[in-house]
N, C-alpha and C. Protein backbone atom coordinates (compact mmCIF):
# COMPACT_ATOMS: atom_id res chain seq x y z
N MET A 1 19.06 7.52 -12.29
CA MET A 1 18.29 7.30 -11.48
C MET A 1 17.10 8.63 -11.00
N THR A 2 16.00 8.10 -10.82
CA THR A 2 15.36 9.46 -10.61
C THR A 2 15.66 9.88 -9.27
N ASP A 3 15.36 11.34 -9.50
CA ASP A 3 15.46 12.78 -8.27
C ASP A 3 14.08 11.99 -7.49
N SER A 4 14.14 11.81 -6.11
CA SER A 4 13.51 10.92 -5.15
C SER A 4 12.43 12.23 -4.87
N SER A 5 13.06 13.44 -4.35
CA SER A 5 12.17 14.17 -4.45
C SER A 5 11.13 14.74 -5.14
N THR A 6 11.79 14.64 -6.34
CA THR A 6 10.69 15.29 -7.83
C THR A 6 9.91 14.35 -7.62
N TYR A 7 9.80 13.07 -8.20
CA TYR A 7 9.05 12.47 -7.85
C TYR A 7 7.80 12.14 -6.63
N LEU A 8 7.98 12.02 -5.54
CA LEU A 8 7.22 12.13 -4.43
C LEU A 8 6.64 13.93 -4.00
N THR A 9 7.09 14.90 -4.76
CA THR A 9 6.73 16.01 -4.88
C THR A 9 5.15 16.10 -5.94
N VAL A 10 5.64 15.29 -7.39
CA VAL A 10 4.46 15.65 -8.31
C VAL A 10 3.57 15.14 -7.65
N THR A 11 3.53 13.29 -6.85
CA THR A 11 2.79 12.71 -6.40
C THR A 11 1.91 12.78 -5.78
N SER A 12 2.32 13.78 -4.49
CA SER A 12 1.74 14.74 -3.53
C SER A 12 0.75 15.36 -4.03
N GLN A 13 1.36 16.73 -5.15
CA GLN A 13 0.51 17.52 -5.13
C GLN A 13 -0.29 16.71 -6.94
N ALA A 14 -0.25 15.89 -7.16
CA ALA A 14 -1.39 15.75 -8.12
C ALA A 14 -2.40 14.77 -7.07
N TYR A 15 -2.55 14.20 -5.98
CA TYR A 15 -2.92 13.45 -5.03
C TYR A 15 -3.94 14.82 -4.36
N ASP A 16 -3.30 15.59 -4.09
CA ASP A 16 -3.78 17.08 -3.23
C ASP A 16 -4.90 17.45 -4.11
N ALA A 17 -4.28 17.75 -5.42
CA ALA A 17 -5.25 18.66 -6.81
C ALA A 17 -6.92 17.75 -6.93
N VAL A 18 -6.52 16.27 -6.75
CA VAL A 18 -7.77 15.00 -6.60
C VAL A 18 -8.64 14.53 -5.75
N ALA A 19 -7.90 15.08 -4.47
CA ALA A 19 -8.12 14.29 -3.26
C ALA A 19 -10.05 13.90 -2.93
N GLY A 20 -10.92 15.14 -3.31
CA GLY A 20 -11.95 14.84 -2.97
C GLY A 20 -12.50 13.98 -3.59
N LEU A 21 -12.37 14.06 -5.34
CA LEU A 21 -13.06 13.30 -6.45
C LEU A 21 -12.50 11.59 -5.98
N TYR A 22 -10.74 11.18 -5.83
CA TYR A 22 -10.73 10.39 -5.17
C TYR A 22 -11.58 9.63 -4.37
N ALA A 23 -11.70 10.61 -3.06
CA ALA A 23 -12.22 9.93 -1.96
C ALA A 23 -13.92 9.28 -2.39
N GLU A 24 -14.43 9.75 -3.11
CA GLU A 24 -15.42 8.98 -3.49
C GLU A 24 -15.14 7.99 -4.38
N LEU A 25 -14.44 7.46 -5.31
CA LEU A 25 -14.47 6.88 -6.42
C LEU A 25 -13.77 5.47 -5.16
N VAL A 26 -13.33 5.60 -4.11
CA VAL A 26 -12.83 4.06 -3.38
C VAL A 26 -13.61 4.32 -2.25
N ARG A 27 -14.76 5.43 -1.62
CA ARG A 27 -16.00 4.94 -0.82
C ARG A 27 -16.13 3.23 -1.15
N GLY A 28 -16.08 2.77 0.39
CA GLY A 28 -16.61 1.23 0.46
C GLY A 28 -16.24 0.56 -0.18
N GLU A 29 -14.67 0.63 -0.48
CA GLU A 29 -13.51 -0.30 -0.99
C GLU A 29 -13.32 -0.64 0.10
N PRO A 30 -12.72 -2.30 0.70
CA PRO A 30 -12.62 -3.23 -0.75
C PRO A 30 -13.86 -3.65 -1.33
N LYS A 31 -14.77 -3.45 -2.09
CA LYS A 31 -15.60 -4.15 -2.28
C LYS A 31 -16.03 -5.73 -2.84
N LEU A 32 -14.89 -6.03 -3.42
CA LEU A 32 -15.28 -7.63 -3.88
C LEU A 32 -14.56 -8.44 -2.85
N PRO A 33 -15.03 -9.44 -3.11
CA PRO A 33 -14.91 -10.48 -2.41
C PRO A 33 -13.15 -11.01 -2.27
N LEU A 34 -12.60 -10.82 -3.16
CA LEU A 34 -11.15 -11.95 -3.57
C LEU A 34 -10.25 -10.77 -2.58
N GLU A 35 -10.95 -9.39 -2.87
CA GLU A 35 -10.15 -8.56 -2.05
C GLU A 35 -10.29 -8.15 -0.80
N ARG A 36 -11.33 -8.71 -0.58
CA ARG A 36 -11.98 -8.31 1.16
C ARG A 36 -10.98 -9.95 1.82
N ALA A 37 -11.52 -10.56 1.49
CA ALA A 37 -10.58 -12.20 1.50
C ALA A 37 -8.83 -11.94 1.77
N ILE A 38 -8.44 -11.25 0.93
CA ILE A 38 -7.21 -11.11 0.93
C ILE A 38 -6.68 -10.23 2.05
N VAL A 39 -7.52 -9.64 2.54
CA VAL A 39 -6.52 -8.22 3.67
C VAL A 39 -7.27 -9.31 4.96
N ALA A 40 -8.30 -9.74 4.86
CA ALA A 40 -8.70 -10.86 5.73
C ALA A 40 -7.61 -11.55 6.20
N ALA A 41 -7.10 -12.30 5.30
CA ALA A 41 -6.11 -13.03 5.26
C ALA A 41 -4.59 -12.31 5.99
N PHE A 42 -4.48 -10.99 6.03
CA PHE A 42 -3.50 -10.43 5.97
C PHE A 42 -3.99 -9.82 7.99
N ALA A 43 -4.76 -9.40 8.05
CA ALA A 43 -5.38 -9.43 9.14
C ALA A 43 -5.24 -10.57 10.31
N ASP A 44 -5.66 -11.68 9.70
CA ASP A 44 -5.66 -13.04 10.54
C ASP A 44 -4.50 -13.03 10.77
N SER A 45 -3.18 -13.43 9.87
CA SER A 45 -1.58 -13.45 10.09
C SER A 45 -0.82 -12.67 11.10
N VAL A 46 -1.79 -11.62 11.05
CA VAL A 46 -0.74 -10.46 11.65
C VAL A 46 -1.41 -10.62 13.36
N ARG A 47 -2.57 -10.94 13.31
CA ARG A 47 -2.85 -11.87 15.30
C ARG A 47 -2.45 -12.71 15.54
N ALA A 48 -1.92 -14.02 14.20
CA ALA A 48 -1.39 -15.08 14.40
C ALA A 48 0.10 -14.62 14.48
N ALA A 49 0.91 -14.13 14.50
CA ALA A 49 1.86 -13.78 14.09
C ALA A 49 2.39 -13.17 15.63
N GLY A 50 1.32 -12.31 16.60
CA GLY A 50 1.00 -11.77 17.81
C GLY A 50 0.96 -10.40 17.55
N GLY A 51 0.20 -10.10 16.80
CA GLY A 51 -0.29 -8.91 16.91
C GLY A 51 0.71 -7.51 17.15
N GLY A 52 0.25 -6.42 17.43
CA GLY A 52 0.53 -5.32 17.44
C GLY A 52 -0.38 -4.67 16.43
N THR A 53 0.61 -3.47 16.11
CA THR A 53 0.55 -2.25 15.35
C THR A 53 0.59 -2.27 14.01
N VAL A 54 -0.51 -1.97 13.08
CA VAL A 54 0.11 -1.82 11.59
C VAL A 54 -0.35 -0.66 11.23
N ILE A 55 0.79 -0.30 10.41
CA ILE A 55 0.62 1.24 9.64
C ILE A 55 0.25 0.67 8.26
N GLU A 56 -0.99 1.70 7.22
CA GLU A 56 -1.59 1.69 6.09
C GLU A 56 -0.65 2.84 5.52
N VAL A 57 0.51 2.49 4.54
CA VAL A 57 1.48 3.36 3.90
C VAL A 57 0.52 4.06 2.67
N GLY A 58 -0.17 5.15 2.39
CA GLY A 58 -0.38 5.71 0.90
C GLY A 58 -1.72 5.64 1.47
N CYS A 59 -2.39 5.95 2.63
CA CYS A 59 -3.36 5.85 3.27
C CYS A 59 -4.32 6.41 2.49
N GLY A 60 -4.23 7.54 1.73
CA GLY A 60 -5.52 8.34 0.94
C GLY A 60 -6.70 8.78 2.15
N PRO A 61 -7.92 8.55 1.74
CA PRO A 61 -8.72 9.13 2.47
C PRO A 61 -9.19 8.54 3.79
N GLY A 62 -7.91 7.13 3.81
CA GLY A 62 -8.33 6.45 5.20
C GLY A 62 -9.50 5.59 5.29
N HIS A 63 -9.89 5.04 3.99
CA HIS A 63 -10.88 3.91 4.03
C HIS A 63 -10.72 2.62 4.24
N MET A 64 -9.39 2.43 3.74
CA MET A 64 -8.87 1.54 4.18
C MET A 64 -8.20 0.85 5.67
N THR A 65 -7.87 2.01 6.42
CA THR A 65 -6.97 1.94 7.85
C THR A 65 -8.21 1.78 8.47
N ALA A 66 -9.69 2.14 8.24
CA ALA A 66 -10.80 2.03 8.64
C ALA A 66 -11.42 0.76 8.68
N HIS A 67 -11.04 -0.20 7.51
CA HIS A 67 -11.37 -1.43 6.92
C HIS A 67 -10.20 -2.25 8.41
N LEU A 68 -9.47 -2.04 8.12
CA LEU A 68 -8.83 -2.72 8.96
C LEU A 68 -8.77 -2.77 10.51
N ARG A 69 -9.44 -1.19 10.90
CA ARG A 69 -9.79 -1.61 12.50
C ARG A 69 -10.95 -2.34 12.53
N GLU A 70 -11.63 -1.87 11.71
CA GLU A 70 -13.40 -3.08 11.66
C GLU A 70 -13.04 -4.89 11.65
N LEU A 71 -11.65 -4.71 10.95
CA LEU A 71 -10.97 -6.35 11.39
C LEU A 71 -10.33 -6.54 12.78
N GLY A 72 -10.29 -5.51 13.52
CA GLY A 72 -9.97 -5.90 14.78
C GLY A 72 -8.21 -6.08 14.95
N LEU A 73 -7.93 -4.77 14.36
CA LEU A 73 -6.55 -4.23 14.04
C LEU A 73 -6.29 -2.67 14.65
N THR A 74 -5.24 -2.61 15.62
CA THR A 74 -5.07 -1.17 15.56
C THR A 74 -4.03 -0.80 14.56
N ALA A 75 -4.73 0.08 14.39
CA ALA A 75 -4.09 0.54 13.10
C ALA A 75 -4.40 2.14 12.75
N PHE A 76 -2.61 2.35 11.84
CA PHE A 76 -3.38 4.09 11.72
C PHE A 76 -2.33 4.38 10.47
N GLY A 77 -2.34 5.65 9.84
CA GLY A 77 -2.22 5.68 8.41
C GLY A 77 -1.57 6.78 8.00
N ILE A 78 -0.44 6.68 6.83
CA ILE A 78 0.34 8.05 6.81
C ILE A 78 -0.37 8.15 5.50
N ASP A 79 0.17 9.25 4.41
CA ASP A 79 0.13 9.86 3.28
C ASP A 79 0.61 10.81 3.01
N LEU A 80 1.31 11.01 1.71
CA LEU A 80 2.00 12.33 1.19
C LEU A 80 1.36 13.33 0.89
N SER A 81 -0.35 12.78 0.66
CA SER A 81 -0.79 14.05 0.69
C SER A 81 -1.77 14.80 1.49
N PRO A 82 -1.32 15.96 1.50
CA PRO A 82 -1.63 16.86 3.17
C PRO A 82 -3.61 16.31 2.87
N ALA A 83 -4.12 16.60 1.36
CA ALA A 83 -5.47 17.21 1.33
C ALA A 83 -6.12 15.58 2.25
N MET A 84 -5.16 14.90 1.60
CA MET A 84 -5.98 13.52 1.36
C MET A 84 -6.15 13.41 3.03
N ILE A 85 -4.60 13.35 3.87
CA ILE A 85 -4.73 13.36 5.39
C ILE A 85 -5.81 13.88 5.61
N GLY A 86 -5.95 14.99 5.39
CA GLY A 86 -7.32 16.08 5.90
C GLY A 86 -8.29 15.37 5.79
N LEU A 87 -9.00 14.69 4.91
CA LEU A 87 -9.84 13.87 4.69
C LEU A 87 -10.21 12.35 5.70
N ALA A 88 -9.12 11.94 5.76
CA ALA A 88 -9.25 10.80 6.68
C ALA A 88 -9.17 11.56 7.93
N ARG A 89 -8.66 12.32 8.40
CA ARG A 89 -9.20 12.78 9.86
C ARG A 89 -10.56 13.44 9.75
N GLU A 90 -10.82 13.56 8.62
CA GLU A 90 -12.60 14.28 9.01
C GLU A 90 -13.29 13.14 8.93
N SER A 91 -12.94 12.27 8.11
CA SER A 91 -13.84 10.94 7.89
C SER A 91 -13.66 9.93 9.29
N HIS A 92 -12.82 10.06 9.40
CA HIS A 92 -12.55 9.16 10.78
C HIS A 92 -11.47 9.49 11.84
N PRO A 93 -12.03 10.42 12.78
CA PRO A 93 -11.35 11.21 13.72
C PRO A 93 -11.22 10.27 14.43
N GLU A 94 -11.67 8.82 14.71
CA GLU A 94 -11.05 8.53 16.11
C GLU A 94 -10.00 7.64 15.57
N LEU A 95 -9.19 7.77 14.49
CA LEU A 95 -7.90 7.06 14.09
C LEU A 95 -7.39 7.94 13.56
N ARG A 96 -5.75 7.38 13.84
CA ARG A 96 -4.54 8.25 13.64
C ARG A 96 -4.27 8.66 12.00
N PHE A 97 -4.11 9.59 11.53
CA PHE A 97 -3.99 9.90 10.61
C PHE A 97 -2.21 10.51 10.61
N GLU A 98 -1.25 10.69 9.30
CA GLU A 98 -0.34 11.57 9.67
C GLU A 98 0.39 11.70 8.11
N VAL A 99 0.91 13.14 7.69
CA VAL A 99 1.52 13.27 6.69
C VAL A 99 3.19 12.63 6.84
N GLY A 100 3.47 11.97 6.12
CA GLY A 100 4.53 11.77 5.80
C GLY A 100 5.08 10.46 4.59
N SER A 101 5.99 10.20 4.10
CA SER A 101 6.54 9.33 3.47
C SER A 101 6.94 7.79 3.70
N MET A 102 6.55 6.69 2.66
CA MET A 102 7.01 5.15 3.20
C MET A 102 8.40 4.81 3.08
N ASP A 103 9.07 5.81 2.54
CA ASP A 103 10.55 5.84 2.70
C ASP A 103 11.12 5.92 3.95
N ALA A 104 10.71 6.64 4.66
CA ALA A 104 11.04 7.72 5.18
C ALA A 104 10.27 7.32 6.98
N LEU A 105 9.60 6.16 7.19
CA LEU A 105 8.78 6.19 8.51
C LEU A 105 9.18 6.30 9.37
N GLU A 106 8.27 7.17 10.17
CA GLU A 106 8.87 7.87 11.70
C GLU A 106 8.38 6.81 12.85
N VAL A 107 8.97 5.28 12.79
CA VAL A 107 8.49 4.40 13.87
C VAL A 107 9.80 3.96 14.16
N ALA A 108 9.85 3.07 15.17
CA ALA A 108 11.26 2.79 15.74
C ALA A 108 11.40 1.12 15.31
N ASP A 109 12.38 0.40 15.04
CA ASP A 109 12.84 -1.23 14.56
C ASP A 109 11.96 -1.79 15.33
N GLY A 110 11.40 -2.81 14.33
CA GLY A 110 10.44 -3.70 14.64
C GLY A 110 9.50 -3.65 15.55
N GLU A 111 8.75 -2.73 15.41
CA GLU A 111 7.43 -1.51 16.40
C GLU A 111 6.24 -2.29 16.14
N LEU A 112 6.14 -2.74 14.27
CA LEU A 112 4.85 -2.94 13.98
C LEU A 112 4.78 -4.39 13.68
N GLY A 113 3.23 -4.50 13.82
CA GLY A 113 2.97 -5.99 13.08
C GLY A 113 2.64 -5.99 11.99
N GLY A 114 2.24 -4.99 11.23
CA GLY A 114 2.17 -5.38 9.56
C GLY A 114 1.79 -3.96 9.03
N ILE A 115 2.07 -4.31 7.97
CA ILE A 115 1.98 -2.70 6.88
C ILE A 115 1.25 -3.43 5.42
N LEU A 116 0.16 -2.37 5.91
CA LEU A 116 -0.45 -2.57 4.75
C LEU A 116 -0.26 -1.57 3.47
N SER A 117 -0.03 -1.46 2.24
CA SER A 117 0.52 -0.83 1.08
C SER A 117 -0.19 -1.29 -0.04
N TRP A 118 -1.73 -0.06 -0.34
CA TRP A 118 -2.57 -1.62 -1.06
C TRP A 118 -2.73 0.26 -2.68
N TYR A 119 -1.72 -0.16 -3.11
CA TYR A 119 -1.68 0.28 -4.52
C TYR A 119 -1.17 1.62 -4.37
N SER A 120 -0.41 2.02 -3.33
CA SER A 120 0.50 2.96 -2.82
C SER A 120 2.10 2.34 -3.25
N ILE A 121 2.64 1.32 -3.67
CA ILE A 121 3.59 1.58 -4.65
C ILE A 121 3.89 2.14 -5.89
N ILE A 122 2.78 1.97 -6.47
CA ILE A 122 2.52 1.77 -7.81
C ILE A 122 3.19 2.83 -8.91
N HIS A 123 3.43 4.65 -7.86
CA HIS A 123 3.70 5.77 -8.60
C HIS A 123 5.58 5.79 -8.35
N THR A 124 6.38 4.67 -7.67
CA THR A 124 7.71 5.01 -7.43
C THR A 124 8.08 4.55 -8.13
N PRO A 125 9.04 4.85 -8.85
CA PRO A 125 9.71 4.41 -10.47
C PRO A 125 10.41 3.25 -9.59
N PRO A 126 11.01 2.14 -10.68
CA PRO A 126 11.26 0.83 -9.80
C PRO A 126 12.73 0.78 -9.56
N GLU A 127 13.47 2.11 -9.86
CA GLU A 127 14.22 2.08 -9.14
C GLU A 127 14.53 2.73 -7.72
N GLU A 128 14.03 3.27 -7.61
CA GLU A 128 13.04 3.81 -6.31
C GLU A 128 13.00 2.50 -5.31
N LEU A 129 11.90 1.71 -5.54
CA LEU A 129 11.57 0.72 -5.04
C LEU A 129 12.27 -0.48 -3.89
N PRO A 130 13.35 -0.91 -3.94
CA PRO A 130 14.56 -1.10 -3.47
C PRO A 130 14.38 -0.94 -1.42
N PRO A 131 14.64 0.65 -1.46
CA PRO A 131 14.56 0.98 -0.21
C PRO A 131 13.52 1.61 0.23
N TYR A 132 11.89 1.01 -0.01
CA TYR A 132 10.96 1.21 0.45
C TYR A 132 10.68 -0.49 1.15
N PHE A 133 11.38 -1.38 0.46
CA PHE A 133 11.12 -2.65 0.86
C PHE A 133 12.26 -2.58 2.07
N ALA A 134 13.03 -2.15 2.01
CA ALA A 134 14.17 -1.98 3.42
C ALA A 134 13.48 -1.39 4.09
N GLU A 135 13.18 -0.33 3.90
CA GLU A 135 12.62 0.49 5.11
C GLU A 135 11.00 -0.51 6.04
N PHE A 136 10.27 -0.96 4.94
CA PHE A 136 9.37 -1.82 5.54
C PHE A 136 9.91 -2.70 6.31
N ARG A 137 11.23 -3.62 6.17
CA ARG A 137 11.06 -4.52 6.57
C ARG A 137 11.91 -4.06 8.37
N ARG A 138 12.18 -2.92 7.86
CA ARG A 138 13.12 -2.32 9.04
C ARG A 138 12.19 -2.12 10.56
N VAL A 139 10.93 -1.55 9.48
CA VAL A 139 9.72 -1.50 10.84
C VAL A 139 9.24 -2.62 11.81
N LEU A 140 9.32 -3.99 10.89
CA LEU A 140 8.24 -4.73 11.40
C LEU A 140 9.10 -5.89 12.05
N ALA A 141 8.08 -6.12 12.73
CA ALA A 141 8.56 -7.01 13.95
C ALA A 141 8.94 -8.08 13.15
N PRO A 142 9.76 -8.98 13.74
CA PRO A 142 10.17 -10.45 13.36
C PRO A 142 8.94 -11.50 13.21
N GLY A 143 8.35 -11.83 11.92
CA GLY A 143 7.42 -12.76 11.91
C GLY A 143 6.42 -12.01 11.76
N GLY A 144 6.44 -10.22 11.11
CA GLY A 144 5.33 -9.33 11.01
C GLY A 144 4.97 -9.33 9.44
N HIS A 145 4.04 -8.72 9.15
CA HIS A 145 3.53 -9.26 7.65
C HIS A 145 3.32 -8.21 6.88
N LEU A 146 3.53 -7.96 5.78
CA LEU A 146 3.34 -6.37 4.58
C LEU A 146 2.28 -7.65 3.53
N LEU A 147 1.00 -6.82 3.03
CA LEU A 147 0.14 -7.03 2.18
C LEU A 147 0.37 -5.74 0.98
N LEU A 148 0.86 -6.22 -0.44
CA LEU A 148 0.97 -5.11 -1.36
C LEU A 148 0.07 -5.73 -2.47
N GLY A 149 -1.04 -4.44 -2.70
CA GLY A 149 -2.02 -4.21 -3.94
C GLY A 149 -1.04 -3.47 -5.03
N PHE A 150 -0.74 -4.07 -6.23
CA PHE A 150 -0.57 -3.12 -6.95
C PHE A 150 -1.53 -3.50 -8.23
N PHE A 151 -0.48 -3.05 -9.66
CA PHE A 151 -1.05 -2.92 -10.83
C PHE A 151 -0.08 -4.43 -11.91
N GLU A 152 -0.23 -5.64 -12.37
CA GLU A 152 0.39 -6.36 -12.38
C GLU A 152 0.88 -6.07 -14.36
N ALA A 153 2.36 -6.35 -14.60
CA ALA A 153 2.21 -6.94 -15.88
C ALA A 153 2.70 -7.92 -16.38
N GLU A 154 1.62 -8.50 -16.78
CA GLU A 154 1.50 -10.11 -17.05
C GLU A 154 2.61 -10.45 -18.01
N GLY A 155 3.79 -11.15 -18.10
CA GLY A 155 4.30 -12.15 -18.50
C GLY A 155 5.59 -10.97 -19.86
N GLY A 156 5.29 -9.71 -18.80
CA GLY A 156 6.42 -8.61 -19.73
C GLY A 156 7.45 -7.99 -18.40
N PRO A 157 8.20 -6.55 -18.98
CA PRO A 157 8.76 -5.98 -17.89
C PRO A 157 8.17 -5.18 -17.16
N VAL A 158 8.84 -4.27 -16.04
CA VAL A 158 7.85 -3.50 -15.62
C VAL A 158 7.21 -2.22 -17.10
N THR A 159 6.23 -1.75 -16.91
CA THR A 159 5.68 -0.74 -17.57
C THR A 159 4.99 0.54 -16.89
N PRO A 160 5.38 1.29 -17.51
CA PRO A 160 4.53 2.95 -16.81
C PRO A 160 3.56 2.51 -17.78
N PHE A 161 2.58 3.48 -17.14
CA PHE A 161 1.03 3.99 -17.89
C PHE A 161 1.12 5.22 -17.49
N ASP A 162 -0.01 5.97 -18.18
CA ASP A 162 -0.59 6.65 -17.73
C ASP A 162 -1.96 6.93 -17.00
N HIS A 163 -1.15 6.72 -15.80
CA HIS A 163 -2.39 6.82 -14.12
C HIS A 163 -3.64 8.04 -14.58
N LYS A 164 -4.80 7.98 -13.93
CA LYS A 164 -5.33 9.01 -14.24
C LYS A 164 -4.85 10.03 -13.13
N VAL A 165 -4.05 9.98 -12.26
CA VAL A 165 -3.52 10.90 -11.34
C VAL A 165 -2.02 11.27 -11.56
N THR A 166 -0.78 10.34 -12.11
CA THR A 166 -0.29 10.43 -12.21
C THR A 166 0.76 9.18 -12.34
N THR A 167 1.95 9.51 -13.25
CA THR A 167 2.44 8.53 -13.83
C THR A 167 2.88 6.83 -12.90
N ALA A 168 1.89 5.88 -13.41
CA ALA A 168 1.82 4.60 -12.42
C ALA A 168 3.06 3.68 -13.38
N TYR A 169 3.03 2.36 -12.17
CA TYR A 169 4.08 1.11 -13.06
C TYR A 169 3.05 0.11 -12.03
N ARG A 170 3.21 -0.94 -13.71
CA ARG A 170 2.78 -2.03 -13.39
C ARG A 170 3.63 -3.15 -13.05
N TRP A 171 3.64 -4.63 -12.32
CA TRP A 171 4.61 -4.72 -12.13
C TRP A 171 4.52 -6.13 -12.37
N PRO A 172 5.61 -7.22 -13.31
CA PRO A 172 5.45 -8.35 -13.02
C PRO A 172 5.74 -9.35 -11.34
N ILE A 173 4.76 -10.09 -11.02
CA ILE A 173 4.35 -10.57 -10.04
C ILE A 173 5.42 -10.74 -9.10
N ASP A 174 6.53 -11.98 -10.38
CA ASP A 174 8.12 -12.31 -9.89
C ASP A 174 9.16 -11.39 -9.32
N ASP A 175 8.46 -10.43 -9.99
CA ASP A 175 9.73 -9.46 -9.88
C ASP A 175 9.53 -8.61 -8.50
N LEU A 176 8.30 -8.31 -8.14
CA LEU A 176 8.23 -8.03 -6.83
C LEU A 176 8.57 -8.76 -5.67
N VAL A 177 8.50 -10.05 -5.89
CA VAL A 177 9.23 -11.06 -5.23
C VAL A 177 10.32 -11.36 -4.68
N LYS A 178 11.08 -10.94 -5.70
CA LYS A 178 12.68 -11.15 -5.93
C LYS A 178 12.94 -9.77 -5.15
N LEU A 179 12.24 -8.94 -5.35
CA LEU A 179 12.74 -7.40 -4.40
C LEU A 179 12.84 -7.59 -3.01
N ALA A 180 11.13 -8.09 -3.17
CA ALA A 180 11.02 -8.53 -1.46
C ALA A 180 12.18 -9.32 -0.50
N VAL A 181 12.37 -10.31 -1.28
CA VAL A 181 12.96 -11.55 -0.66
C VAL A 181 14.41 -10.62 -0.39
N GLU A 182 15.04 -10.20 -1.60
CA GLU A 182 16.15 -9.48 -0.98
C GLU A 182 16.19 -8.72 -0.37
N ALA A 183 15.20 -8.41 0.14
CA ALA A 183 15.13 -7.06 1.69
C ALA A 183 14.80 -8.19 2.84
N GLY A 184 14.61 -9.31 2.94
CA GLY A 184 14.42 -10.21 3.64
C GLY A 184 13.19 -11.07 3.86
N PHE A 185 12.10 -10.37 2.94
CA PHE A 185 11.27 -10.72 3.02
C PHE A 185 10.88 -12.34 2.64
N ALA A 186 10.20 -13.25 3.15
CA ALA A 186 9.15 -14.54 2.58
C ALA A 186 8.00 -14.49 1.99
N GLU A 187 7.81 -14.47 0.82
CA GLU A 187 6.18 -14.93 0.17
C GLU A 187 5.59 -16.10 1.03
N VAL A 188 4.31 -15.52 1.67
CA VAL A 188 3.29 -16.56 2.13
C VAL A 188 2.54 -17.01 1.16
N GLY A 189 1.31 -15.61 0.60
CA GLY A 189 0.83 -16.46 -0.90
C GLY A 189 0.58 -14.70 -1.85
N ARG A 190 0.07 -15.24 -2.61
CA ARG A 190 -0.51 -14.33 -3.62
C ARG A 190 -1.70 -14.50 -4.35
N MET A 191 -2.41 -13.29 -5.01
CA MET A 191 -3.33 -13.43 -5.04
C MET A 191 -3.78 -12.53 -6.34
N SER A 192 -4.34 -12.67 -7.75
CA SER A 192 -4.46 -12.10 -9.01
C SER A 192 -6.08 -12.23 -9.21
N ARG A 193 -6.67 -11.23 -9.80
CA ARG A 193 -8.29 -10.77 -10.09
C ARG A 193 -7.57 -9.81 -11.57
N GLU A 194 -8.91 -10.68 -12.69
CA GLU A 194 -9.02 -9.73 -13.40
C GLU A 194 -9.74 -8.48 -13.58
N PRO A 195 -9.22 -7.53 -14.48
CA PRO A 195 -10.13 -6.11 -14.21
C PRO A 195 -12.08 -6.22 -14.07
N LEU A 196 -12.50 -5.34 -13.60
CA LEU A 196 -13.69 -5.37 -13.78
C LEU A 196 -14.24 -4.02 -15.41
N ALA A 197 -15.54 -4.65 -15.36
CA ALA A 197 -15.83 -3.59 -16.94
C ALA A 197 -15.21 -2.39 -17.09
N GLU A 198 -15.37 -1.75 -15.81
CA GLU A 198 -15.21 -0.35 -15.69
C GLU A 198 -13.79 -0.17 -15.63
N GLU A 199 -12.91 -1.08 -15.29
CA GLU A 199 -11.61 -0.44 -14.47
C GLU A 199 -10.80 -0.85 -15.91
N ARG A 200 -9.82 0.18 -15.59
CA ARG A 200 -8.51 -0.02 -16.81
C ARG A 200 -8.39 -1.84 -16.72
N GLN A 201 -7.57 -1.97 -18.18
CA GLN A 201 -8.04 -3.35 -18.46
C GLN A 201 -5.94 -3.95 -17.93
N PHE A 202 -6.00 -3.59 -16.85
CA PHE A 202 -4.81 -4.40 -16.03
C PHE A 202 -5.74 -5.51 -14.69
N ARG A 203 -4.56 -6.54 -14.75
CA ARG A 203 -4.37 -7.32 -13.78
C ARG A 203 -4.29 -6.92 -12.47
N ARG A 204 -4.82 -6.81 -11.50
CA ARG A 204 -4.94 -6.76 -10.20
C ARG A 204 -4.25 -7.55 -9.28
N GLY A 205 -2.55 -7.22 -8.81
CA GLY A 205 -2.04 -8.90 -8.22
C GLY A 205 -1.53 -7.97 -6.66
N HIS A 206 -1.90 -8.99 -5.75
CA HIS A 206 -1.48 -8.81 -4.11
C HIS A 206 -0.57 -9.73 -3.70
N LEU A 207 -0.36 -9.54 -2.78
CA LEU A 207 1.20 -10.08 -2.52
C LEU A 207 1.11 -10.43 -0.79
N LEU A 208 1.11 -11.14 -0.46
CA LEU A 208 1.51 -11.44 1.07
C LEU A 208 2.50 -11.99 1.88
N LEU A 209 3.21 -11.23 2.12
CA LEU A 209 5.05 -11.65 2.83
C LEU A 209 5.01 -11.61 4.31
N ARG A 210 5.51 -12.22 4.38
CA ARG A 210 6.64 -12.06 6.28
C ARG A 210 7.62 -11.40 6.28
N GLY A 211 7.92 -10.97 7.20
CA GLY A 211 9.44 -11.08 7.59
C GLY A 211 10.36 -11.53 8.40
């Protein structure tokens, strides 16, 4: 079993060290039509289920939280990295950003209409992921929605790889669905895309889930 405090500290410190460079790399995302479409579908689903506040977990420099606001949602973000939160507050002073961990959200049961986890579970060791899904389910209102972005492991097991920041994991999409269903979610839809020429050669996966 992984010591959760260790990998959380490693992840936080690793992103602190590259916060400025990372913010430049992700500026303007989501750029691709497929990704903009799945995030728009998430926003529409949140509204159709009654609305409510949305949290982006692992928000980094806040670009996706700001995009959720552009889509008409009330959104705020949390991240392990104080440096990332500092950049998010500087870039988007009108939005709320807090340092925090997505396995222990400071949110009441059933308070949220949606959760966006945009490539923020990728550094979580596989054995540590079920409690994250349980926490997501706890804070979502009945019928609330969760959108996951991640790296796919096509046709194989969960696979670690040397991410540029710190160790990350590729997931078979059906394995993620199984974990989510065990936590009380239902799959709404999925979208995969092939990597661009300038990206790592891993397929990108996206799952829309309903609590």
